Amino acid sequence: MSNNTYIYLLVAALTIFAIRALPLTLIQKEIKNRFIRSFLYYVPYVTLSVMTFPAIISATSSWISGTVAFVTAIIVAWIDGNLFKVALSSCIAVYAVEAFFL
């Protein structure tokens, strides 16, 4: 893995740790505000998504095949939700687009 990958993983880990651990150490009573609770719940997922999305598009030889794989992954995940099937269908989509259309 390249040095950038390690930096990305470190930033994601620190962000998730800060969002999860700091409220526990700084705030002693339960957070009752619905907006803040929702924010603290979704921030790690959003951070991971924002860091992963550019890699999905640029991991292939063409941004077109990356985009097709991304759309395929979303559709298969929406229908089935099985991670293995999502990954397999994305790989097949990239292979098909790069073999037959590019």
PDB file of N, CA and C in Angstrom:
ATOM      1  N   MET A   1       0.855  -1.180   0.000  1.00  0.00           N
ATOM      2  CA  MET A   1       0.000   0.000   0.000  1.00  0.00           C
ATOM      3  C   MET A   1       0.895   1.235   0.000  1.00  0.00           C
ATOM      4  N   SER A   2       0.413   2.260  -0.609  1.00  0.00           N
ATOM      5  CA  SER A   2       1.192   3.489  -0.682  1.00  0.00           C
ATOM      6  C   SER A   2       1.070   4.276   0.616  1.00  0.00           C
ATOM      7  N   ASN A   3       1.912   5.290   0.733  1.00  0.00           N
ATOM      8  CA  ASN A   3       1.878   6.125   1.934  1.00  0.00           C
ATOM      9  C   ASN A   3       0.560   6.873   2.058  1.00  0.00           C
ATOM     10  N   ASN A   4      -0.038   7.264   0.924  1.00  0.00           N
ATOM     11  CA  ASN A   4      -1.324   7.962   0.972  1.00  0.00           C
ATOM     12  C   ASN A   4      -2.412   7.099   1.594  1.00  0.00           C
ATOM     13  N   THR A   5      -2.370   5.813   1.321  1.00  0.00           N
ATOM     14  CA  THR A   5      -3.371   4.916   1.885  1.00  0.00           C
ATOM     15  C   THR A   5      -3.274   4.888   3.398  1.00  0.00           C
ATOM     16  N   TYR A   6      -2.073   4.833   3.911  1.00  0.00           N
ATOM     17  CA  TYR A   6      -1.886   4.846   5.362  1.00  0.00           C
ATOM     18  C   TYR A   6      -2.356   6.166   5.974  1.00  0.00           C
ATOM     19  N   ILE A   7      -2.107   7.250   5.272  1.00  0.00           N
ATOM     20  CA  ILE A   7      -2.563   8.555   5.765  1.00  0.00           C
ATOM     21  C   ILE A   7      -4.081   8.606   5.786  1.00  0.00           C
ATOM     22  N   TYR A   8      -4.722   8.103   4.732  1.00  0.00           N
ATOM     23  CA  TYR A   8      -6.188   8.073   4.683  1.00  0.00           C
ATOM     24  C   TYR A   8      -6.761   7.239   5.820  1.00  0.00           C
ATOM     25  N   LEU A   9      -6.164   6.067   6.042  1.00  0.00           N
ATOM     26  CA  LEU A   9      -6.637   5.209   7.129  1.00  0.00           C
ATOM     27  C   LEU A   9      -6.442   5.864   8.490  1.00  0.00           C
ATOM     28  N   LEU A  10      -5.323   6.547   8.672  1.00  0.00           N
ATOM     29  CA  LEU A  10      -5.060   7.229   9.931  1.00  0.00           C
ATOM     30  C   LEU A  10      -6.055   8.358  10.171  1.00  0.00           C
ATOM     31  N   VAL A  11      -6.324   9.143   9.137  1.00  0.00           N
ATOM     32  CA  VAL A  11      -7.295  10.239   9.275  1.00  0.00           C
ATOM     33  C   VAL A  11      -8.685   9.693   9.581  1.00  0.00           C
ATOM     34  N   ALA A  12      -9.079   8.623   8.904  1.00  0.00           N
ATOM     35  CA  ALA A  12     -10.394   8.024   9.163  1.00  0.00           C
ATOM     36  C   ALA A  12     -10.475   7.493  10.588  1.00  0.00           C
ATOM     37  N   ALA A  13      -9.419   6.824  11.041  1.00  0.00           N
ATOM     38  CA  ALA A  13      -9.420   6.277  12.398  1.00  0.00           C
ATOM     39  C   ALA A  13      -9.463   7.391  13.437  1.00  0.00           C
ATOM     40  N   LEU A  14      -8.689   8.439  13.235  1.00  0.00           N
ATOM     41  CA  LEU A  14      -8.688   9.552  14.191  1.00  0.00           C
ATOM     42  C   LEU A  14     -10.027  10.276  14.206  1.00  0.00           C
ATOM     43  N   THR A  15     -10.619  10.441  13.041  1.00  0.00           N
ATOM     44  CA  THR A  15     -11.918  11.101  12.981  1.00  0.00           C
ATOM     45  C   THR A  15     -12.982  10.288  13.705  1.00  0.00           C
ATOM     46  N   ILE A  16     -13.012   9.005  13.425  1.00  0.00           N
ATOM     47  CA  ILE A  16     -13.997   8.146  14.077  1.00  0.00           C
ATOM     48  C   ILE A  16     -13.757   8.097  15.579  1.00  0.00           C
ATOM     49  N   PHE A  17     -12.486   7.998  15.977  1.00  0.00           N
ATOM     50  CA  PHE A  17     -12.169   7.972  17.399  1.00  0.00           C
ATOM     51  C   PHE A  17     -12.584   9.273  18.077  1.00  0.00           C
ATOM     52  N   ALA A  18     -12.286  10.402  17.434  1.00  0.00           N
ATOM     53  CA  ALA A  18     -12.632  11.695  18.032  1.00  0.00           C
ATOM     54  C   ALA A  18     -14.138  11.859  18.172  1.00  0.00           C
ATOM     55  N   ILE A  19     -14.867  11.464  17.146  1.00  0.00           N
ATOM     56  CA  ILE A  19     -16.316  11.611  17.193  1.00  0.00           C
ATOM     57  C   ILE A  19     -16.935  10.684  18.238  1.00  0.00           C
ATOM     58  N   ARG A  20     -16.374   9.497  18.406  1.00  0.00           N
ATOM     59  CA  ARG A  20     -16.950   8.528  19.339  1.00  0.00           C
ATOM     60  C   ARG A  20     -16.435   8.713  20.765  1.00  0.00           C
ATOM     61  N   ALA A  21     -15.155   9.026  20.938  1.00  0.00           N
ATOM     62  CA  ALA A  21     -14.555   9.040  22.276  1.00  0.00           C
ATOM     63  C   ALA A  21     -14.674  10.393  22.977  1.00  0.00           C
ATOM     64  N   LEU A  22     -14.541  11.479  22.248  1.00  0.00           N
ATOM     65  CA  LEU A  22     -14.576  12.792  22.904  1.00  0.00           C
ATOM     66  C   LEU A  22     -15.902  13.093  23.606  1.00  0.00           C
ATOM     67  N   PRO A  23     -17.025  12.792  23.007  1.00  0.00           N
ATOM     68  CA  PRO A  23     -18.262  13.026  23.761  1.00  0.00           C
ATOM     69  C   PRO A  23     -18.339  12.206  25.051  1.00  0.00           C
ATOM     70  N   LEU A  24     -17.786  11.008  25.032  1.00  0.00           N
ATOM     71  CA  LEU A  24     -17.800  10.185  26.242  1.00  0.00           C
ATOM     72  C   LEU A  24     -16.932  10.769  27.347  1.00  0.00           C
ATOM     73  N   THR A  25     -15.828  11.395  26.972  1.00  0.00           N
ATOM     74  CA  THR A  25     -14.917  11.937  27.985  1.00  0.00           C
ATOM     75  C   THR A  25     -15.264  13.364  28.385  1.00  0.00           C
ATOM     76  N   LEU A  26     -15.829  14.141  27.476  1.00  0.00           N
ATOM     77  CA  LEU A  26     -16.099  15.544  27.777  1.00  0.00           C
ATOM     78  C   LEU A  26     -17.498  15.786  28.335  1.00  0.00           C
ATOM     79  N   ILE A  27     -18.442  14.971  27.946  1.00  0.00           N
ATOM     80  CA  ILE A  27     -19.823  15.176  28.373  1.00  0.00           C
ATOM     81  C   ILE A  27     -20.202  14.034  29.311  1.00  0.00           C
ATOM     82  N   GLN A  28     -20.588  14.391  30.522  1.00  0.00           N
ATOM     83  CA  GLN A  28     -20.869  13.371  31.523  1.00  0.00           C
ATOM     84  C   GLN A  28     -22.323  12.891  31.492  1.00  0.00           C
ATOM     85  N   LYS A  29     -23.236  13.730  31.059  1.00  0.00           N
ATOM     86  CA  LYS A  29     -24.633  13.310  31.041  1.00  0.00           C
ATOM     87  C   LYS A  29     -25.050  12.924  29.623  1.00  0.00           C
ATOM     88  N   GLU A  30     -26.184  12.273  29.529  1.00  0.00           N
ATOM     89  CA  GLU A  30     -26.678  11.801  28.244  1.00  0.00           C
ATOM     90  C   GLU A  30     -27.044  12.969  27.328  1.00  0.00           C
ATOM     91  N   ILE A  31     -26.702  12.827  26.043  1.00  0.00           N
ATOM     92  CA  ILE A  31     -27.048  13.842  25.049  1.00  0.00           C
ATOM     93  C   ILE A  31     -28.487  13.596  24.620  1.00  0.00           C
ATOM     94  N   LYS A  32     -29.333  14.588  24.825  1.00  0.00           N
ATOM     95  CA  LYS A  32     -30.744  14.432  24.500  1.00  0.00           C
ATOM     96  C   LYS A  32     -31.147  15.130  23.205  1.00  0.00           C
ATOM     97  N   ASN A  33     -30.287  15.996  22.718  1.00  0.00           N
ATOM     98  CA  ASN A  33     -30.589  16.699  21.479  1.00  0.00           C
ATOM     99  C   ASN A  33     -30.575  15.701  20.320  1.00  0.00           C
ATOM    100  N   ARG A  34     -31.683  15.634  19.614  1.00  0.00           N
ATOM    101  CA  ARG A  34     -31.834  14.663  18.541  1.00  0.00           C
ATOM    102  C   ARG A  34     -30.874  14.936  17.381  1.00  0.00           C
ATOM    103  N   PHE A  35     -30.660  16.183  17.055  1.00  0.00           N
ATOM    104  CA  PHE A  35     -29.764  16.539  15.957  1.00  0.00           C
ATOM    105  C   PHE A  35     -28.325  16.126  16.266  1.00  0.00           C
ATOM    106  N   ILE A  36     -27.854  16.410  17.458  1.00  0.00           N
ATOM    107  CA  ILE A  36     -26.474  16.068  17.832  1.00  0.00           C
ATOM    108  C   ILE A  36     -26.305  14.558  17.883  1.00  0.00           C
ATOM    109  N   ARG A  37     -27.281  13.839  18.397  1.00  0.00           N
ATOM    110  CA  ARG A  37     -27.197  12.380  18.431  1.00  0.00           C
ATOM    111  C   ARG A  37     -27.137  11.802  17.015  1.00  0.00           C
ATOM    112  N   SER A  38     -27.953  12.336  16.136  1.00  0.00           N
ATOM    113  CA  SER A  38     -27.946  11.887  14.750  1.00  0.00           C
ATOM    114  C   SER A  38     -26.609  12.218  14.082  1.00  0.00           C
ATOM    115  N   PHE A  39     -26.098  13.416  14.329  1.00  0.00           N
ATOM    116  CA  PHE A  39     -24.814  13.833  13.769  1.00  0.00           C
ATOM    117  C   PHE A  39     -23.706  12.896  14.225  1.00  0.00           C
ATOM    118  N   LEU A  40     -23.643  12.605  15.496  1.00  0.00           N
ATOM    119  CA  LEU A  40     -22.590  11.739  16.030  1.00  0.00           C
ATOM    120  C   LEU A  40     -22.726  10.308  15.515  1.00  0.00           C
ATOM    121  N   TYR A  41     -23.917   9.889  15.204  1.00  0.00           N
ATOM    122  CA  TYR A  41     -24.118   8.542  14.696  1.00  0.00           C
ATOM    123  C   TYR A  41     -23.632   8.402  13.251  1.00  0.00           C
ATOM    124  N   TYR A  42     -23.914   9.395  12.409  1.00  0.00           N
ATOM    125  CA  TYR A  42     -23.647   9.271  10.978  1.00  0.00           C
ATOM    126  C   TYR A  42     -22.274   9.768  10.526  1.00  0.00           C
ATOM    127  N   VAL A  43     -21.571  10.536  11.313  1.00  0.00           N
ATOM    128  CA  VAL A  43     -20.290  11.103  10.880  1.00  0.00           C
ATOM    129  C   VAL A  43     -19.269  10.035  10.477  1.00  0.00           C
ATOM    130  N   PRO A  44     -19.080   8.955  11.214  1.00  0.00           N
ATOM    131  CA  PRO A  44     -18.092   7.963  10.770  1.00  0.00           C
ATOM    132  C   PRO A  44     -18.423   7.350   9.416  1.00  0.00           C
ATOM    133  N   TYR A  45     -19.690   7.100   9.156  1.00  0.00           N
ATOM    134  CA  TYR A  45     -20.080   6.516   7.870  1.00  0.00           C
ATOM    135  C   TYR A  45     -19.862   7.502   6.729  1.00  0.00           C
ATOM    136  N   VAL A  46     -20.174   8.740   6.960  1.00  0.00           N
ATOM    137  CA  VAL A  46     -19.979   9.764   5.930  1.00  0.00           C
ATOM    138  C   VAL A  46     -18.491   9.958   5.655  1.00  0.00           C
ATOM    139  N   THR A  47     -17.694   9.975   6.692  1.00  0.00           N
ATOM    140  CA  THR A  47     -16.251  10.135   6.521  1.00  0.00           C
ATOM    141  C   THR A  47     -15.675   8.995   5.697  1.00  0.00           C
ATOM    142  N   LEU A  48     -16.053   7.788   6.013  1.00  0.00           N
ATOM    143  CA  LEU A  48     -15.575   6.637   5.249  1.00  0.00           C
ATOM    144  C   LEU A  48     -16.049   6.702   3.803  1.00  0.00           C
ATOM    145  N   SER A  49     -17.276   7.106   3.579  1.00  0.00           N
ATOM    146  CA  SER A  49     -17.805   7.204   2.219  1.00  0.00           C
ATOM    147  C   SER A  49     -17.076   8.258   1.401  1.00  0.00           C
ATOM    148  N   VAL A  50     -16.832   9.397   1.998  1.00  0.00           N
ATOM    149  CA  VAL A  50     -16.159  10.487   1.284  1.00  0.00           C
ATOM    150  C   VAL A  50     -14.730  10.106   0.938  1.00  0.00           C
ATOM    151  N   MET A  51     -14.098   9.328   1.769  1.00  0.00           N
ATOM    152  CA  MET A  51     -12.721   8.914   1.479  1.00  0.00           C
ATOM    153  C   MET A  51     -12.678   7.747   0.494  1.00  0.00           C
ATOM    154  N   THR A  52     -13.720   6.937   0.445  1.00  0.00           N
ATOM    155  CA  THR A  52     -13.723   5.758  -0.418  1.00  0.00           C
ATOM    156  C   THR A  52     -14.199   6.066  -1.833  1.00  0.00           C
ATOM    157  N   PHE A  53     -15.153   6.961  -1.983  1.00  0.00           N
ATOM    158  CA  PHE A  53     -15.763   7.210  -3.291  1.00  0.00           C
ATOM    159  C   PHE A  53     -14.756   7.579  -4.381  1.00  0.00           C
ATOM    160  N   PRO A  54     -13.821   8.513  -4.166  1.00  0.00           N
ATOM    161  CA  PRO A  54     -12.864   8.811  -5.247  1.00  0.00           C
ATOM    162  C   PRO A  54     -12.018   7.609  -5.643  1.00  0.00           C
ATOM    163  N   ALA A  55     -11.707   6.744  -4.686  1.00  0.00           N
ATOM    164  CA  ALA A  55     -10.912   5.556  -5.002  1.00  0.00           C
ATOM    165  C   ALA A  55     -11.705   4.570  -5.855  1.00  0.00           C
ATOM    166  N   ILE A  56     -13.001   4.507  -5.657  1.00  0.00           N
ATOM    167  CA  ILE A  56     -13.836   3.604  -6.458  1.00  0.00           C
ATOM    168  C   ILE A  56     -13.804   4.026  -7.922  1.00  0.00           C
ATOM    169  N   ILE A  57     -13.919   5.300  -8.164  1.00  0.00           N
ATOM    170  CA  ILE A  57     -13.960   5.800  -9.544  1.00  0.00           C
ATOM    171  C   ILE A  57     -12.598   5.700 -10.215  1.00  0.00           C
ATOM    172  N   SER A  58     -11.528   5.954  -9.486  1.00  0.00           N
ATOM    173  CA  SER A  58     -10.205   5.995 -10.107  1.00  0.00           C
ATOM    174  C   SER A  58      -9.429   4.686 -10.003  1.00  0.00           C
ATOM    175  N   ALA A  59      -9.990   3.633  -9.451  1.00  0.00           N
ATOM    176  CA  ALA A  59      -9.259   2.375  -9.276  1.00  0.00           C
ATOM    177  C   ALA A  59      -9.143   1.584 -10.576  1.00  0.00           C
ATOM    178  N   THR A  60      -9.970   1.878 -11.541  1.00  0.00           N
ATOM    179  CA  THR A  60      -9.937   1.148 -12.802  1.00  0.00           C
ATOM    180  C   THR A  60      -9.178   1.955 -13.844  1.00  0.00           C
ATOM    181  N   SER A  61      -9.050   1.382 -15.029  1.00  0.00           N
ATOM    182  CA  SER A  61      -8.310   2.086 -16.075  1.00  0.00           C
ATOM    183  C   SER A  61      -9.110   3.231 -16.684  1.00  0.00           C
ATOM    184  N   SER A  62     -10.411   3.250 -16.455  1.00  0.00           N
ATOM    185  CA  SER A  62     -11.266   4.297 -16.990  1.00  0.00           C
ATOM    186  C   SER A  62     -12.288   4.697 -15.943  1.00  0.00           C
ATOM    187  N   TRP A  63     -12.614   5.969 -15.894  1.00  0.00           N
ATOM    188  CA  TRP A  63     -13.617   6.417 -14.921  1.00  0.00           C
ATOM    189  C   TRP A  63     -15.000   5.877 -15.275  1.00  0.00           C
ATOM    190  N   ILE A  64     -15.185   5.530 -16.551  1.00  0.00           N
ATOM    191  CA  ILE A  64     -16.478   4.987 -16.975  1.00  0.00           C
ATOM    192  C   ILE A  64     -16.724   3.627 -16.331  1.00  0.00           C
ATOM    193  N   SER A  65     -15.720   2.754 -16.371  1.00  0.00           N
ATOM    194  CA  SER A  65     -15.903   1.432 -15.759  1.00  0.00           C
ATOM    195  C   SER A  65     -16.025   1.538 -14.245  1.00  0.00           C
ATOM    196  N   GLY A  66     -15.328   2.496 -13.632  1.00  0.00           N
ATOM    197  CA  GLY A  66     -15.481   2.713 -12.198  1.00  0.00           C
ATOM    198  C   GLY A  66     -16.883   3.178 -11.835  1.00  0.00           C
ATOM    199  N   THR A  67     -17.430   4.054 -12.653  1.00  0.00           N
ATOM    200  CA  THR A  67     -18.782   4.543 -12.412  1.00  0.00           C
ATOM    201  C   THR A  67     -19.819   3.439 -12.618  1.00  0.00           C
ATOM    202  N   VAL A  68     -19.628   2.627 -13.647  1.00  0.00           N
ATOM    203  CA  VAL A  68     -20.540   1.500 -13.883  1.00  0.00           C
ATOM    204  C   VAL A  68     -20.484   0.525 -12.705  1.00  0.00           C
ATOM    205  N   ALA A  69     -19.291   0.255 -12.202  1.00  0.00           N
ATOM    206  CA  ALA A  69     -19.149  -0.643 -11.043  1.00  0.00           C
ATOM    207  C   ALA A  69     -19.822  -0.051  -9.805  1.00  0.00           C
ATOM    208  N   PHE A  70     -19.692   1.245  -9.622  1.00  0.00           N
ATOM    209  CA  PHE A  70     -20.316   1.906  -8.477  1.00  0.00           C
ATOM    210  C   PHE A  70     -21.837   1.820  -8.545  1.00  0.00           C
ATOM    211  N   VAL A  71     -22.387   2.099  -9.707  1.00  0.00           N
ATOM    212  CA  VAL A  71     -23.836   2.025  -9.880  1.00  0.00           C
ATOM    213  C   VAL A  71     -24.317   0.581  -9.719  1.00  0.00           C
ATOM    214  N   THR A  72     -23.561  -0.354 -10.269  1.00  0.00           N
ATOM    215  CA  THR A  72     -23.900  -1.772 -10.108  1.00  0.00           C
ATOM    216  C   THR A  72     -23.891  -2.168  -8.638  1.00  0.00           C
ATOM    217  N   ALA A  73     -22.895  -1.714  -7.903  1.00  0.00           N
ATOM    218  CA  ALA A  73     -22.800  -2.033  -6.476  1.00  0.00           C
ATOM    219  C   ALA A  73     -23.986  -1.467  -5.704  1.00  0.00           C
ATOM    220  N   ILE A  74     -24.384  -0.259  -6.030  1.00  0.00           N
ATOM    221  CA  ILE A  74     -25.532   0.345  -5.340  1.00  0.00           C
ATOM    222  C   ILE A  74     -26.805  -0.453  -5.618  1.00  0.00           C
ATOM    223  N   ILE A  75     -27.016  -0.834  -6.865  1.00  0.00           N
ATOM    224  CA  ILE A  75     -28.235  -1.571  -7.220  1.00  0.00           C
ATOM    225  C   ILE A  75     -28.259  -2.943  -6.549  1.00  0.00           C
ATOM    226  N   VAL A  76     -27.143  -3.669  -6.611  1.00  0.00           N
ATOM    227  CA  VAL A  76     -27.105  -5.001  -6.002  1.00  0.00           C
ATOM    228  C   VAL A  76     -27.222  -4.911  -4.488  1.00  0.00           C
ATOM    229  N   ALA A  77     -26.584  -3.917  -3.878  1.00  0.00           N
ATOM    230  CA  ALA A  77     -26.696  -3.747  -2.429  1.00  0.00           C
ATOM    231  C   ALA A  77     -28.119  -3.396  -2.030  1.00  0.00           C
ATOM    232  N   TRP A  78     -28.788  -2.613  -2.837  1.00  0.00           N
ATOM    233  CA  TRP A  78     -30.175  -2.226  -2.539  1.00  0.00           C
ATOM    234  C   TRP A  78     -31.111  -3.438  -2.630  1.00  0.00           C
ATOM    235  N   ILE A  79     -30.874  -4.279  -3.624  1.00  0.00           N
ATOM    236  CA  ILE A  79     -31.737  -5.442  -3.827  1.00  0.00           C
ATOM    237  C   ILE A  79     -31.435  -6.546  -2.810  1.00  0.00           C
ATOM    238  N   ASP A  80     -30.156  -6.865  -2.621  1.00  0.00           N
ATOM    239  CA  ASP A  80     -29.799  -8.033  -1.817  1.00  0.00           C
ATOM    240  C   ASP A  80     -29.093  -7.669  -0.515  1.00  0.00           C
ATOM    241  N   GLY A  81     -28.074  -6.823  -0.565  1.00  0.00           N
ATOM    242  CA  GLY A  81     -27.355  -6.416   0.634  1.00  0.00           C
ATOM    243  C   GLY A  81     -26.212  -7.336   1.026  1.00  0.00           C
ATOM    244  N   ASN A  82     -25.996  -8.418   0.287  1.00  0.00           N
ATOM    245  CA  ASN A  82     -24.904  -9.336   0.579  1.00  0.00           C
ATOM    246  C   ASN A  82     -23.597  -8.746   0.052  1.00  0.00           C
ATOM    247  N   LEU A  83     -22.620  -8.567   0.936  1.00  0.00           N
ATOM    248  CA  LEU A  83     -21.367  -7.910   0.563  1.00  0.00           C
ATOM    249  C   LEU A  83     -20.607  -8.685  -0.500  1.00  0.00           C
ATOM    250  N   PHE A  84     -20.608  -9.990  -0.404  1.00  0.00           N
ATOM    251  CA  PHE A  84     -19.911 -10.800  -1.406  1.00  0.00           C
ATOM    252  C   PHE A  84     -20.524 -10.612  -2.786  1.00  0.00           C
ATOM    253  N   LYS A  85     -21.844 -10.623  -2.861  1.00  0.00           N
ATOM    254  CA  LYS A  85     -22.524 -10.438  -4.147  1.00  0.00           C
ATOM    255  C   LYS A  85     -22.292  -9.042  -4.707  1.00  0.00           C
ATOM    256  N   VAL A  86     -22.235  -8.055  -3.837  1.00  0.00           N
ATOM    257  CA  VAL A  86     -21.977  -6.682  -4.275  1.00  0.00           C
ATOM    258  C   VAL A  86     -20.575  -6.581  -4.870  1.00  0.00           C
ATOM    259  N   ALA A  87     -19.583  -7.115  -4.165  1.00  0.00           N
ATOM    260  CA  ALA A  87     -18.202  -7.056  -4.655  1.00  0.00           C
ATOM    261  C   ALA A  87     -18.040  -7.843  -5.950  1.00  0.00           C
ATOM    262  N   LEU A  88     -18.629  -9.015  -5.999  1.00  0.00           N
ATOM    263  CA  LEU A  88     -18.526  -9.843  -7.200  1.00  0.00           C
ATOM    264  C   LEU A  88     -19.189  -9.182  -8.403  1.00  0.00           C
ATOM    265  N   SER A  89     -20.369  -8.627  -8.207  1.00  0.00           N
ATOM    266  CA  SER A  89     -21.049  -7.968  -9.322  1.00  0.00           C
ATOM    267  C   SER A  89     -20.292  -6.734  -9.798  1.00  0.00           C
ATOM    268  N   SER A  90     -19.675  -6.011  -8.883  1.00  0.00           N
ATOM    269  CA  SER A  90     -18.875  -4.843  -9.274  1.00  0.00           C
ATOM    270  C   SER A  90     -17.662  -5.263 -10.091  1.00  0.00           C
ATOM    271  N   CYS A  91     -16.997  -6.325  -9.670  1.00  0.00           N
ATOM    272  CA  CYS A  91     -15.842  -6.818 -10.426  1.00  0.00           C
ATOM    273  C   CYS A  91     -16.248  -7.290 -11.814  1.00  0.00           C
ATOM    274  N   ILE A  92     -17.364  -7.979 -11.896  1.00  0.00           N
ATOM    275  CA  ILE A  92     -17.858  -8.438 -13.196  1.00  0.00           C
ATOM    276  C   ILE A  92     -18.232  -7.247 -14.083  1.00  0.00           C
ATOM    277  N   ALA A  93     -18.807  -6.221 -13.491  1.00  0.00           N
ATOM    278  CA  ALA A  93     -19.176  -5.031 -14.263  1.00  0.00           C
ATOM    279  C   ALA A  93     -17.936  -4.340 -14.820  1.00  0.00           C
ATOM    280  N   VAL A  94     -16.904  -4.205 -14.006  1.00  0.00           N
ATOM    281  CA  VAL A  94     -15.656  -3.583 -14.488  1.00  0.00           C
ATOM    282  C   VAL A  94     -15.051  -4.428 -15.600  1.00  0.00           C
ATOM    283  N   TYR A  95     -15.004  -5.720 -15.398  1.00  0.00           N
ATOM    284  CA  TYR A  95     -14.446  -6.600 -16.427  1.00  0.00           C
ATOM    285  C   TYR A  95     -15.221  -6.497 -17.733  1.00  0.00           C
ATOM    286  N   ALA A  96     -16.535  -6.516 -17.642  1.00  0.00           N
ATOM    287  CA  ALA A  96     -17.358  -6.452 -18.857  1.00  0.00           C
ATOM    288  C   ALA A  96     -17.194  -5.125 -19.588  1.00  0.00           C
ATOM    289  N   VAL A  97     -17.188  -4.037 -18.850  1.00  0.00           N
ATOM    290  CA  VAL A  97     -17.062  -2.721 -19.493  1.00  0.00           C
ATOM    291  C   VAL A  97     -15.692  -2.568 -20.135  1.00  0.00           C
ATOM    292  N   GLU A  98     -14.644  -2.964 -19.426  1.00  0.00           N
ATOM    293  CA  GLU A  98     -13.292  -2.798 -19.978  1.00  0.00           C
ATOM    294  C   GLU A  98     -12.996  -3.799 -21.099  1.00  0.00           C
ATOM    295  N   ALA A  99     -13.598  -4.977 -21.068  1.00  0.00           N
ATOM    296  CA  ALA A  99     -13.334  -5.977 -22.097  1.00  0.00           C
ATOM    297  C   ALA A  99     -14.123  -5.717 -23.375  1.00  0.00           C
ATOM    298  N   PHE A 100     -15.353  -5.251 -23.222  1.00  0.00           N
ATOM    299  CA  PHE A 100     -16.221  -5.167 -24.397  1.00  0.00           C
ATOM    300  C   PHE A 100     -16.462  -3.743 -24.909  1.00  0.00           C
ATOM    301  N   PHE A 101     -16.290  -2.745 -24.055  1.00  0.00           N
ATOM    302  CA  PHE A 101     -16.638  -1.382 -24.486  1.00  0.00           C
ATOM    303  C   PHE A 101     -15.455  -0.433 -24.565  1.00  0.00           C
ATOM    304  N   LEU A 102     -14.362  -0.732 -23.908  1.00  0.00           N
ATOM    305  CA  LEU A 102     -13.218   0.196 -23.921  1.00  0.00           C
ATOM    306  C   LEU A 102     -12.023  -0.400 -24.625  1.00  0.00           C
TER     307      LEU A 102
END
